[in-house]
Amino acid sequence: MKNYLENYPPTTESDYLATWTNDPDVWQDASPIYFLNNNTPPFLIYVGDKTYESIKVSNERFLTALQPIQPNVTPIHINKSHIPMVLQYFWPWNRRYDEIINFMNTKK
């Protein structure tokens, strides 16, 4: 995956700026960190220990903003990189499904 973007660079139709623009106001409107409040539902957060650094940094920023509202939220660290973290949820026999369902059932 590391060389994927080098071999297949984004086109103007599929690059990040084409999707999200270069306008910080649009970025803010699309970012959940700016919508956290006392009515925010509980979070169950997974972090891949081998994921991209930008995801780790963004996750830490989000957690810092969430902590005053949900002081007991603790991310679950999994020893996976980004793609395996995402792909694991395509398989219904993944053990995380029971964990997620239990979380949702206890947070009703």
N, C-alpha and C. Protein backbone atom coordinates (compact mmCIF):
# COMPACT_ATOMS: atom_id res chain seq x y z
N MET A 1 0.82 -1.20 0.00
CA MET A 1 0.00 0.00 0.00
C MET A 1 0.86 1.26 0.00
N LYS A 2 2.03 1.17 0.62
CA LYS A 2 2.89 2.33 0.74
C LYS A 2 3.21 2.94 -0.63
N ASN A 3 3.45 2.11 -1.62
CA ASN A 3 3.78 2.60 -2.95
C ASN A 3 2.56 2.79 -3.83
N TYR A 4 1.40 2.46 -3.34
CA TYR A 4 0.18 2.54 -4.14
C TYR A 4 -0.03 3.95 -4.70
N LEU A 5 0.06 4.95 -3.81
CA LEU A 5 -0.17 6.32 -4.27
C LEU A 5 0.93 6.79 -5.21
N GLU A 6 2.13 6.26 -5.04
CA GLU A 6 3.19 6.60 -5.99
C GLU A 6 2.90 6.02 -7.36
N ASN A 7 2.38 4.81 -7.37
CA ASN A 7 2.08 4.14 -8.64
C ASN A 7 0.76 4.62 -9.25
N TYR A 8 -0.18 5.00 -8.41
CA TYR A 8 -1.50 5.44 -8.86
C TYR A 8 -1.85 6.75 -8.16
N PRO A 9 -1.23 7.85 -8.55
CA PRO A 9 -1.52 9.12 -7.87
C PRO A 9 -2.97 9.54 -8.08
N PRO A 10 -3.54 10.27 -7.13
CA PRO A 10 -4.92 10.72 -7.27
C PRO A 10 -5.09 11.61 -8.50
N THR A 11 -6.22 11.49 -9.12
CA THR A 11 -6.56 12.40 -10.22
C THR A 11 -7.29 13.59 -9.64
N THR A 12 -7.58 14.56 -10.46
CA THR A 12 -8.30 15.73 -9.95
C THR A 12 -9.71 15.36 -9.51
N GLU A 13 -10.25 14.25 -10.03
CA GLU A 13 -11.59 13.82 -9.62
C GLU A 13 -11.59 13.07 -8.29
N SER A 14 -10.42 12.52 -7.89
CA SER A 14 -10.43 11.67 -6.71
C SER A 14 -9.42 12.08 -5.64
N ASP A 15 -8.84 13.22 -5.78
CA ASP A 15 -7.87 13.61 -4.76
C ASP A 15 -8.57 14.24 -3.55
N TYR A 16 -7.81 14.41 -2.51
CA TYR A 16 -8.35 14.90 -1.25
C TYR A 16 -8.97 16.29 -1.41
N LEU A 17 -8.27 17.17 -2.09
CA LEU A 17 -8.79 18.54 -2.26
C LEU A 17 -10.02 18.59 -3.13
N ALA A 18 -10.11 17.69 -4.11
CA ALA A 18 -11.32 17.65 -4.93
C ALA A 18 -12.52 17.23 -4.08
N THR A 19 -12.27 16.35 -3.13
CA THR A 19 -13.34 15.88 -2.25
C THR A 19 -13.70 16.91 -1.19
N TRP A 20 -12.68 17.43 -0.51
CA TRP A 20 -12.92 18.27 0.66
C TRP A 20 -12.65 19.76 0.44
N THR A 21 -12.18 20.14 -0.69
CA THR A 21 -11.83 21.50 -1.05
C THR A 21 -10.60 21.96 -0.26
N ASN A 22 -10.24 23.19 -0.48
CA ASN A 22 -9.12 23.79 0.24
C ASN A 22 -9.65 24.81 1.24
N ASP A 23 -10.92 24.72 1.55
CA ASP A 23 -11.60 25.68 2.42
C ASP A 23 -11.71 25.14 3.84
N PRO A 24 -11.01 25.74 4.81
CA PRO A 24 -11.06 25.25 6.19
C PRO A 24 -12.47 25.22 6.79
N ASP A 25 -13.36 26.09 6.31
CA ASP A 25 -14.74 26.06 6.82
C ASP A 25 -15.45 24.76 6.44
N VAL A 26 -15.18 24.26 5.25
CA VAL A 26 -15.76 22.99 4.82
C VAL A 26 -15.18 21.87 5.66
N TRP A 27 -13.89 21.92 5.93
CA TRP A 27 -13.26 20.90 6.77
C TRP A 27 -13.91 20.89 8.14
N GLN A 28 -14.13 22.08 8.70
CA GLN A 28 -14.74 22.16 10.03
C GLN A 28 -16.16 21.61 10.01
N ASP A 29 -16.92 21.91 8.96
CA ASP A 29 -18.29 21.41 8.86
C ASP A 29 -18.33 19.88 8.75
N ALA A 30 -17.26 19.28 8.26
CA ALA A 30 -17.22 17.82 8.08
C ALA A 30 -16.57 17.09 9.24
N SER A 31 -16.06 17.82 10.21
CA SER A 31 -15.30 17.19 11.28
C SER A 31 -16.13 17.04 12.56
N PRO A 32 -16.27 15.82 13.07
CA PRO A 32 -17.09 15.60 14.27
C PRO A 32 -16.52 16.27 15.52
N ILE A 33 -15.25 16.61 15.53
CA ILE A 33 -14.67 17.21 16.72
C ILE A 33 -15.36 18.54 17.07
N TYR A 34 -15.88 19.23 16.07
CA TYR A 34 -16.53 20.52 16.29
C TYR A 34 -17.99 20.39 16.73
N PHE A 35 -18.48 19.17 16.82
CA PHE A 35 -19.88 18.95 17.19
C PHE A 35 -20.03 18.21 18.51
N LEU A 36 -18.93 18.03 19.23
CA LEU A 36 -18.99 17.36 20.53
C LEU A 36 -19.68 18.25 21.54
N ASN A 37 -20.60 17.66 22.30
CA ASN A 37 -21.28 18.40 23.37
C ASN A 37 -21.85 17.39 24.36
N ASN A 38 -22.58 17.86 25.33
CA ASN A 38 -23.11 16.97 26.37
C ASN A 38 -24.14 15.97 25.85
N ASN A 39 -24.63 16.18 24.65
CA ASN A 39 -25.58 15.24 24.04
C ASN A 39 -24.90 14.22 23.13
N THR A 40 -23.59 14.27 23.05
CA THR A 40 -22.84 13.34 22.22
C THR A 40 -23.00 11.92 22.77
N PRO A 41 -23.39 10.98 21.92
CA PRO A 41 -23.54 9.60 22.41
C PRO A 41 -22.19 9.01 22.80
N PRO A 42 -22.20 7.97 23.61
CA PRO A 42 -20.94 7.33 24.02
C PRO A 42 -20.17 6.79 22.81
N PHE A 43 -18.86 6.81 22.94
CA PHE A 43 -17.98 6.34 21.88
C PHE A 43 -17.26 5.07 22.28
N LEU A 44 -17.14 4.17 21.32
CA LEU A 44 -16.26 3.01 21.40
C LEU A 44 -15.23 3.23 20.31
N ILE A 45 -13.99 3.43 20.69
CA ILE A 45 -12.95 3.83 19.74
C ILE A 45 -11.87 2.76 19.65
N TYR A 46 -11.61 2.34 18.42
CA TYR A 46 -10.52 1.42 18.14
C TYR A 46 -9.40 2.18 17.45
N VAL A 47 -8.17 1.87 17.82
CA VAL A 47 -7.00 2.48 17.18
C VAL A 47 -6.05 1.38 16.77
N GLY A 48 -5.68 1.39 15.50
CA GLY A 48 -4.67 0.44 15.03
C GLY A 48 -3.30 0.97 15.39
N ASP A 49 -2.54 0.19 16.15
CA ASP A 49 -1.23 0.64 16.59
C ASP A 49 -0.26 0.86 15.44
N LYS A 50 -0.53 0.24 14.29
CA LYS A 50 0.36 0.38 13.14
C LYS A 50 -0.26 1.26 12.05
N THR A 51 -1.26 2.03 12.40
CA THR A 51 -1.95 2.84 11.39
C THR A 51 -1.11 4.06 11.02
N TYR A 52 -1.62 4.83 10.10
CA TYR A 52 -0.92 6.03 9.64
C TYR A 52 -0.78 7.02 10.79
N GLU A 53 0.35 7.70 10.80
CA GLU A 53 0.61 8.67 11.86
C GLU A 53 -0.46 9.76 11.90
N SER A 54 -0.93 10.20 10.75
CA SER A 54 -1.95 11.25 10.73
C SER A 54 -3.23 10.79 11.42
N ILE A 55 -3.57 9.51 11.29
CA ILE A 55 -4.76 8.98 11.97
C ILE A 55 -4.53 8.96 13.47
N LYS A 56 -3.35 8.55 13.89
CA LYS A 56 -3.05 8.54 15.32
C LYS A 56 -3.13 9.94 15.92
N VAL A 57 -2.56 10.92 15.23
CA VAL A 57 -2.58 12.30 15.72
C VAL A 57 -4.01 12.83 15.76
N SER A 58 -4.77 12.60 14.71
CA SER A 58 -6.17 13.06 14.68
C SER A 58 -6.99 12.40 15.77
N ASN A 59 -6.74 11.12 16.01
CA ASN A 59 -7.46 10.40 17.05
C ASN A 59 -7.13 10.98 18.43
N GLU A 60 -5.88 11.29 18.67
CA GLU A 60 -5.49 11.90 19.95
C GLU A 60 -6.17 13.25 20.14
N ARG A 61 -6.22 14.04 19.09
CA ARG A 61 -6.91 15.34 19.17
C ARG A 61 -8.39 15.16 19.49
N PHE A 62 -9.00 14.18 18.83
CA PHE A 62 -10.41 13.91 19.08
C PHE A 62 -10.63 13.46 20.52
N LEU A 63 -9.78 12.56 20.99
CA LEU A 63 -9.90 12.08 22.37
C LEU A 63 -9.71 13.20 23.38
N THR A 64 -8.79 14.09 23.12
CA THR A 64 -8.56 15.24 24.01
C THR A 64 -9.81 16.11 24.08
N ALA A 65 -10.47 16.31 22.96
CA ALA A 65 -11.70 17.10 22.94
C ALA A 65 -12.87 16.35 23.57
N LEU A 66 -12.87 15.02 23.46
CA LEU A 66 -13.96 14.21 23.99
C LEU A 66 -13.85 13.99 25.50
N GLN A 67 -12.66 13.94 26.04
CA GLN A 67 -12.43 13.60 27.45
C GLN A 67 -13.23 14.45 28.44
N PRO A 68 -13.35 15.77 28.25
CA PRO A 68 -14.17 16.54 29.21
C PRO A 68 -15.64 16.12 29.22
N ILE A 69 -16.11 15.62 28.11
CA ILE A 69 -17.52 15.20 27.99
C ILE A 69 -17.70 13.75 28.42
N GLN A 70 -16.74 12.92 28.04
CA GLN A 70 -16.79 11.49 28.36
C GLN A 70 -15.44 11.08 28.96
N PRO A 71 -15.22 11.40 30.23
CA PRO A 71 -13.90 11.17 30.84
C PRO A 71 -13.48 9.70 30.91
N ASN A 72 -14.42 8.78 30.80
CA ASN A 72 -14.08 7.36 30.91
C ASN A 72 -13.81 6.68 29.57
N VAL A 73 -13.91 7.43 28.47
CA VAL A 73 -13.66 6.82 27.17
C VAL A 73 -12.17 6.44 27.08
N THR A 74 -11.95 5.19 26.71
CA THR A 74 -10.59 4.67 26.58
C THR A 74 -10.51 3.91 25.27
N PRO A 75 -9.65 4.35 24.37
CA PRO A 75 -9.57 3.64 23.09
C PRO A 75 -9.01 2.23 23.28
N ILE A 76 -9.46 1.35 22.42
CA ILE A 76 -8.97 -0.03 22.41
C ILE A 76 -7.91 -0.11 21.32
N HIS A 77 -6.70 -0.42 21.72
CA HIS A 77 -5.59 -0.51 20.77
C HIS A 77 -5.49 -1.93 20.22
N ILE A 78 -5.36 -2.00 18.90
CA ILE A 78 -5.24 -3.28 18.21
C ILE A 78 -3.96 -3.24 17.39
N ASN A 79 -3.22 -4.31 17.43
CA ASN A 79 -1.93 -4.38 16.76
C ASN A 79 -2.11 -4.62 15.26
N LYS A 80 -2.71 -3.64 14.57
CA LYS A 80 -2.97 -3.77 13.14
C LYS A 80 -2.68 -2.44 12.46
N SER A 81 -2.45 -2.52 11.14
CA SER A 81 -2.31 -1.31 10.34
C SER A 81 -3.69 -0.89 9.85
N HIS A 82 -3.74 0.19 9.10
CA HIS A 82 -5.02 0.80 8.73
C HIS A 82 -5.93 -0.13 7.92
N ILE A 83 -5.41 -0.71 6.88
CA ILE A 83 -6.27 -1.53 6.01
C ILE A 83 -6.83 -2.75 6.75
N PRO A 84 -6.01 -3.52 7.48
CA PRO A 84 -6.59 -4.62 8.25
C PRO A 84 -7.59 -4.15 9.31
N MET A 85 -7.38 -2.96 9.86
CA MET A 85 -8.34 -2.44 10.83
C MET A 85 -9.71 -2.27 10.18
N VAL A 86 -9.74 -1.76 8.98
CA VAL A 86 -11.01 -1.55 8.27
C VAL A 86 -11.58 -2.87 7.78
N LEU A 87 -10.75 -3.69 7.17
CA LEU A 87 -11.23 -4.94 6.57
C LEU A 87 -11.82 -5.92 7.58
N GLN A 88 -11.35 -5.87 8.81
CA GLN A 88 -11.85 -6.83 9.80
C GLN A 88 -13.36 -6.72 10.00
N TYR A 89 -13.93 -5.55 9.71
CA TYR A 89 -15.36 -5.36 9.93
C TYR A 89 -16.22 -5.84 8.76
N PHE A 90 -15.57 -6.33 7.70
CA PHE A 90 -16.31 -6.93 6.61
C PHE A 90 -16.66 -8.38 6.90
N TRP A 91 -16.09 -8.94 7.96
CA TRP A 91 -16.30 -10.35 8.28
C TRP A 91 -17.14 -10.46 9.55
N PRO A 92 -18.39 -10.91 9.43
CA PRO A 92 -19.29 -10.94 10.58
C PRO A 92 -18.85 -11.87 11.71
N TRP A 93 -17.92 -12.75 11.45
CA TRP A 93 -17.45 -13.65 12.51
C TRP A 93 -16.30 -13.02 13.29
N ASN A 94 -15.95 -11.80 12.97
CA ASN A 94 -14.90 -11.09 13.70
C ASN A 94 -15.32 -10.94 15.15
N ARG A 95 -14.42 -11.20 16.08
CA ARG A 95 -14.77 -11.14 17.51
C ARG A 95 -15.13 -9.72 17.96
N ARG A 96 -14.78 -8.72 17.19
CA ARG A 96 -15.10 -7.34 17.55
C ARG A 96 -16.61 -7.08 17.47
N TYR A 97 -17.30 -7.84 16.63
CA TYR A 97 -18.74 -7.61 16.49
C TYR A 97 -19.47 -7.80 17.82
N ASP A 98 -19.16 -8.85 18.55
CA ASP A 98 -19.79 -9.07 19.85
C ASP A 98 -19.46 -7.93 20.81
N GLU A 99 -18.22 -7.47 20.76
CA GLU A 99 -17.79 -6.35 21.60
C GLU A 99 -18.60 -5.09 21.27
N ILE A 100 -18.78 -4.82 20.00
CA ILE A 100 -19.53 -3.64 19.56
C ILE A 100 -21.00 -3.76 19.94
N ILE A 101 -21.59 -4.91 19.70
CA ILE A 101 -23.00 -5.12 20.04
C ILE A 101 -23.20 -4.99 21.55
N ASN A 102 -22.31 -5.57 22.34
CA ASN A 102 -22.41 -5.42 23.80
C ASN A 102 -22.31 -3.96 24.22
N PHE A 103 -21.41 -3.22 23.59
CA PHE A 103 -21.28 -1.79 23.88
C PHE A 103 -22.59 -1.06 23.57
N MET A 104 -23.15 -1.32 22.40
CA MET A 104 -24.40 -0.65 22.03
C MET A 104 -25.54 -1.03 22.96
N ASN A 105 -25.61 -2.28 23.38
CA ASN A 105 -26.68 -2.72 24.26
C ASN A 105 -26.55 -2.12 25.67
N THR A 106 -25.34 -1.90 26.13
CA THR A 106 -25.17 -1.33 27.48
C THR A 106 -25.30 0.19 27.48
N LYS A 107 -25.29 0.83 26.31
CA LYS A 107 -25.34 2.30 26.23
C LYS A 107 -26.70 2.82 25.81
N LYS A 108 -27.71 1.97 25.82
CA LYS A 108 -29.07 2.42 25.41
C LYS A 108 -29.65 3.36 26.42
